[in-house]
Protein backbone atom coordinates (compact mmCIF):
# COMPACT_ATOMS: atom_id res chain seq x y z
CA UNK A 1 130.76 117.53 106.86
CA UNK A 2 131.51 113.95 107.98
CA UNK A 3 130.72 111.31 105.36
CA UNK A 4 128.33 109.47 107.65
CA UNK A 5 126.30 112.63 108.28
CA UNK A 6 126.23 113.39 104.55
CA UNK A 7 125.03 109.87 103.85
CA UNK A 8 122.27 110.27 106.43
CA UNK A 9 121.11 113.49 104.81
CA UNK A 10 121.17 111.80 101.42
CA UNK A 11 119.01 108.95 102.73
CA UNK A 12 116.49 111.44 104.11
CA UNK A 13 116.45 113.23 100.74
CA UNK A 14 115.89 109.97 98.87
CA UNK A 15 112.97 109.04 101.15
CA UNK A 16 111.35 112.46 100.75
CA UNK A 17 111.82 112.32 96.97
CA UNK A 18 110.33 108.83 96.69
CA UNK A 19 107.35 109.89 98.80
CA UNK A 20 106.85 113.04 96.71
CA UNK A 21 107.00 111.30 93.33
CA UNK A 22 104.70 108.53 94.60
CA UNK A 23 102.19 111.21 95.59
CA UNK A 24 102.49 112.95 92.21
CA UNK A 25 102.01 109.62 90.47
CA UNK A 26 98.81 108.94 92.38
CA UNK A 27 97.49 112.38 91.43
CA UNK A 28 98.36 112.10 87.72
CA UNK A 29 97.33 108.48 87.12
CA UNK A 30 93.66 107.61 87.37
CA UNK A 31 92.84 105.18 90.17
CA UNK A 32 92.01 101.70 88.91
CA UNK A 33 88.35 100.81 88.70
CA UNK A 34 87.78 98.26 91.51
CA UNK A 35 86.09 95.91 89.03
CA UNK A 36 89.50 95.47 87.35
CA UNK A 37 88.00 94.82 83.90
CA UNK A 38 86.14 91.80 85.28
CA UNK A 39 88.96 90.39 87.43
CA UNK A 40 87.17 91.26 90.67
CA UNK A 41 84.45 88.70 89.86
CA UNK A 42 86.92 85.83 89.48
CA UNK A 43 87.49 83.47 92.43
CA UNK A 44 91.07 84.67 92.99
CA UNK A 45 92.67 82.86 95.94
CA UNK A 46 96.39 83.35 95.19
CA UNK A 47 98.09 86.58 94.07
CA UNK A 48 101.70 86.82 92.91
CA UNK A 49 103.09 90.37 93.00
CA UNK A 50 106.36 90.62 91.03
CA UNK A 51 108.06 93.99 91.48
CA UNK A 52 106.10 94.69 94.65
CA UNK A 53 108.12 97.74 95.79
CA UNK A 54 106.75 98.51 99.27
CA UNK A 55 103.40 96.81 98.63
CA UNK A 56 101.23 99.34 96.79
CA UNK A 57 99.60 96.72 94.54
CA UNK A 58 99.37 94.12 97.31
CA UNK A 59 97.47 96.58 99.51
CA UNK A 60 94.95 97.20 96.72
CA UNK A 61 94.44 93.48 96.17
CA UNK A 62 93.89 92.85 99.88
CA UNK A 63 90.86 95.11 99.71
CA UNK A 64 89.46 93.51 96.54
CA UNK A 65 90.34 89.89 97.36
CA UNK A 66 90.38 89.80 101.19
CA UNK A 67 90.68 85.98 101.36
CA UNK A 68 93.51 85.59 98.85
CA UNK A 69 97.06 84.56 99.78
CA UNK A 70 99.74 86.99 98.60
CA UNK A 71 103.28 86.19 97.41
CA UNK A 72 105.23 89.41 96.90
CA UNK A 73 108.69 89.72 95.31
CA UNK A 74 110.90 92.81 95.71
CA UNK A 75 114.70 92.90 95.25
CA UNK A 76 115.57 96.38 96.58
CA UNK A 77 116.40 96.42 100.31
CA UNK A 78 114.71 99.70 101.33
CA UNK A 79 111.23 99.13 99.84
CA UNK A 80 111.46 95.48 100.86
CA UNK A 81 111.76 96.49 104.52
CA UNK A 82 108.46 98.37 104.26
CA UNK A 83 106.88 95.48 102.36
CA UNK A 84 108.03 93.00 104.98
CA UNK A 85 106.79 95.18 107.83
CA UNK A 86 103.38 95.55 106.19
CA UNK A 87 103.21 91.79 105.55
CA UNK A 88 103.82 91.02 109.22
CA UNK A 89 100.94 93.31 110.21
CA UNK A 90 98.41 91.40 108.13
CA UNK A 91 96.19 88.76 109.70
CA UNK A 92 95.98 87.06 106.33
CA UNK A 93 98.72 84.95 104.76
CA UNK A 94 101.31 87.23 103.13
CA UNK A 95 104.69 85.82 102.11
CA UNK A 96 107.44 88.18 100.93
CA UNK A 97 110.62 87.41 98.98
CA UNK A 98 113.67 89.71 98.87
CA UNK A 99 114.76 88.84 95.34
CA UNK A 100 114.45 89.66 91.65
CA UNK A 101 112.78 87.28 89.21
CA UNK A 102 113.98 86.52 85.70
CA UNK A 103 114.81 83.58 83.41
CA UNK A 104 117.83 82.31 85.35
CA UNK A 105 119.11 81.84 88.90
CA UNK A 106 122.14 84.02 89.64
CA UNK A 107 123.42 87.12 91.36
CA UNK A 108 122.65 90.11 89.17
CA UNK A 109 123.07 93.89 89.13
CA UNK A 110 120.04 96.14 89.45
CA UNK A 111 119.97 99.88 88.82
CA UNK A 112 118.45 101.45 91.92
CA UNK A 113 116.88 104.82 91.06
CA UNK A 114 117.51 106.73 94.25
CA UNK A 115 114.97 109.54 93.80
CA UNK A 116 112.18 107.21 92.61
CA UNK A 117 112.91 103.56 93.36
CA UNK A 118 109.67 102.30 91.77
CA UNK A 119 111.29 102.78 88.36
CA UNK A 120 114.43 100.78 89.23
CA UNK A 121 115.31 98.04 86.77
CA UNK A 122 117.84 95.39 85.91
CA UNK A 123 117.88 97.11 82.50
CA UNK A 124 119.65 100.39 81.78
CA UNK A 125 117.54 103.50 81.26
CA UNK A 126 117.61 105.07 77.79
CA UNK A 127 118.40 108.69 76.98
CA UNK A 128 114.70 109.17 76.23
CA UNK A 129 113.76 107.90 79.67
CA UNK A 130 116.20 110.22 81.44
CA UNK A 131 115.09 113.18 79.32
CA UNK A 132 111.42 112.61 80.18
CA UNK A 133 112.11 111.72 83.81
CA UNK A 134 115.33 113.54 84.82
CA UNK A 135 114.99 112.43 88.47
CA UNK A 136 115.93 108.92 87.29
CA UNK A 137 119.50 109.97 86.42
CA UNK A 138 120.63 109.48 90.03
CA UNK A 139 121.25 105.74 90.19
CA UNK A 140 123.17 103.24 92.27
CA UNK A 141 124.05 99.77 91.01
CA UNK A 142 123.64 97.05 93.63
CA UNK A 143 123.84 93.27 93.58
CA UNK A 144 120.68 91.25 94.22
CA UNK A 145 119.76 87.60 94.03
CA UNK A 146 117.69 86.59 91.01
CA UNK A 147 115.60 83.43 90.85
CA UNK A 148 112.79 82.25 88.58
CA UNK A 149 109.10 82.32 89.31
CA UNK A 150 108.77 78.59 88.67
CA UNK A 151 111.63 77.80 91.05
CA UNK A 152 110.18 79.84 93.90
CA UNK A 153 106.59 78.69 93.48
CA UNK A 154 107.59 75.03 93.17
CA UNK A 155 109.62 75.39 96.40
CA UNK A 156 106.60 76.47 98.47
CA UNK A 157 105.51 73.93 101.11
CA UNK A 158 102.00 73.79 99.62
CA UNK A 159 100.77 74.40 96.05
CA UNK A 160 99.03 77.67 95.22
CA UNK A 161 95.26 77.66 95.55
CA UNK A 162 93.49 78.53 92.29
CA UNK A 163 92.45 80.85 90.81
CA UNK A 164 95.83 82.58 90.52
CA UNK A 165 96.45 86.22 89.56
CA UNK A 166 99.97 87.35 88.56
CA UNK A 167 101.07 90.99 88.42
CA UNK A 168 104.30 92.08 86.68
CA UNK A 169 105.82 95.53 87.13
CA UNK A 170 109.53 95.06 86.39
CA UNK A 171 110.41 97.94 84.06
CA UNK A 172 110.93 96.20 80.73
CA UNK A 173 112.03 92.86 82.19
CA UNK A 174 108.59 91.25 81.88
CA UNK A 175 109.50 88.80 79.11
CA UNK A 176 112.34 87.35 81.21
CA UNK A 177 110.02 86.83 84.17
CA UNK A 178 107.48 85.06 81.96
CA UNK A 179 110.16 82.80 80.45
CA UNK A 180 111.26 81.84 83.95
CA UNK A 181 107.68 81.23 85.05
CA UNK A 182 106.06 79.32 82.18
CA UNK A 183 104.60 76.60 84.41
CA UNK A 184 103.22 79.13 86.88
CA UNK A 185 101.66 81.19 84.10
CA UNK A 186 100.08 78.01 82.74
CA UNK A 187 98.40 77.47 86.10
CA UNK A 188 97.25 81.08 86.52
CA UNK A 189 93.88 82.47 85.46
CA UNK A 190 94.82 86.11 84.86
CA UNK A 191 97.70 88.57 84.90
CA UNK A 192 98.28 92.32 85.00
CA UNK A 193 101.39 93.51 83.14
CA UNK A 194 102.87 97.00 82.97
CA UNK A 195 103.94 97.59 79.36
CA UNK A 196 105.90 100.54 77.98
CA UNK A 197 105.35 101.75 74.41
CA UNK A 198 108.12 104.34 74.65
CA UNK A 199 111.61 102.80 74.77
CA UNK A 200 112.47 103.71 78.36
CA UNK A 201 114.86 100.81 79.07
CA UNK A 202 117.49 99.20 76.90
CA UNK A 203 116.41 95.81 75.50
CA UNK A 204 112.97 96.12 77.09
CA UNK A 205 110.11 93.81 76.15
CA UNK A 206 107.46 95.40 73.95
CA UNK A 207 103.72 94.83 73.73
CA UNK A 208 104.05 92.42 70.80
CA UNK A 209 106.57 90.27 72.72
CA UNK A 210 104.36 90.02 75.77
CA UNK A 211 101.11 89.57 73.82
CA UNK A 212 102.52 86.65 71.80
CA UNK A 213 104.03 84.95 74.87
CA UNK A 214 100.79 85.17 76.83
CA UNK A 215 98.67 84.25 73.81
CA UNK A 216 100.65 81.02 73.48
CA UNK A 217 99.90 80.31 77.14
CA UNK A 218 96.15 80.67 76.61
CA UNK A 219 95.56 84.27 77.71
CA UNK A 220 93.32 86.79 75.98
CA UNK A 221 93.99 90.52 76.10
CA UNK A 222 91.18 92.14 78.11
CA UNK A 223 92.08 95.86 78.06
CA UNK A 224 94.01 98.43 80.09
CA UNK A 225 93.47 99.49 83.68
CA UNK A 226 95.17 102.82 83.02
CA UNK A 227 97.54 104.55 80.64
CA UNK A 228 100.04 107.38 80.96
CA UNK A 229 100.27 109.80 78.06
CA UNK A 230 102.95 112.19 76.80
CA UNK A 231 102.31 115.88 76.23
CA UNK A 232 101.41 115.19 72.59
CA UNK A 233 98.78 112.65 73.63
CA UNK A 234 100.60 109.44 72.70
CA UNK A 235 100.58 106.62 75.25
CA UNK A 236 103.86 106.08 77.09
CA UNK A 237 102.92 103.03 79.18
CA UNK A 238 99.91 101.23 80.62
CA UNK A 239 98.81 98.32 82.78
CA UNK A 240 97.30 95.60 80.60
CA UNK A 241 95.00 92.81 81.76
CA UNK A 242 95.14 89.29 80.29
CA UNK A 243 92.57 86.63 81.23
CA UNK A 244 92.12 82.97 80.39
CA UNK A 245 88.51 82.36 79.37
CA UNK A 246 88.06 78.92 80.91
């Protein structure tokens, strides 16, 4: 079989796999309550989506905050194409960035999980992660551009309109994004952060790290939108909400 044909079949397989595991995820994880633990009542006018993939979170927020401006960051080329296409179809203001965010500006390697790219990370998966989710073993390392949240937001032609909501879903890299976005987090009113309690990525941030960083920036922990449990009932990971009580 010619290499090009084999590569084409592989690409089709990866797309089918990603679609399948996305569907399974939607079935297994409870849909977020549209009130978002009180976030839906805040006057959110700017939303920053870090780790946007192909725009799943951004689509949700468009329905809840129809007048908000969205700024979505995704480093992987394939999901970014879908994100960019969706952004162009919106009548509202959606700006997309094909880059990773962290605490420095540089070219960096990211581990692209071919059968489920939502779980891709700059960090290496652990043996525990690959044992629980064996479809993540098939990986491809690619180079992407990394910037900082503060750098990108300060480079916008106009400042963000408050109130600002930030969402982080970067597979254990959340503390680096926060460190590179201190000024932006100071300006924001609320954030949603995916946090893993199981050690799924090497050198991942834990709940204590993130809680202390956000506490120092004036945020209060407001609860979880969802949580995924192991077979024994313990919580593997969840999406936590933090709000500044102005």
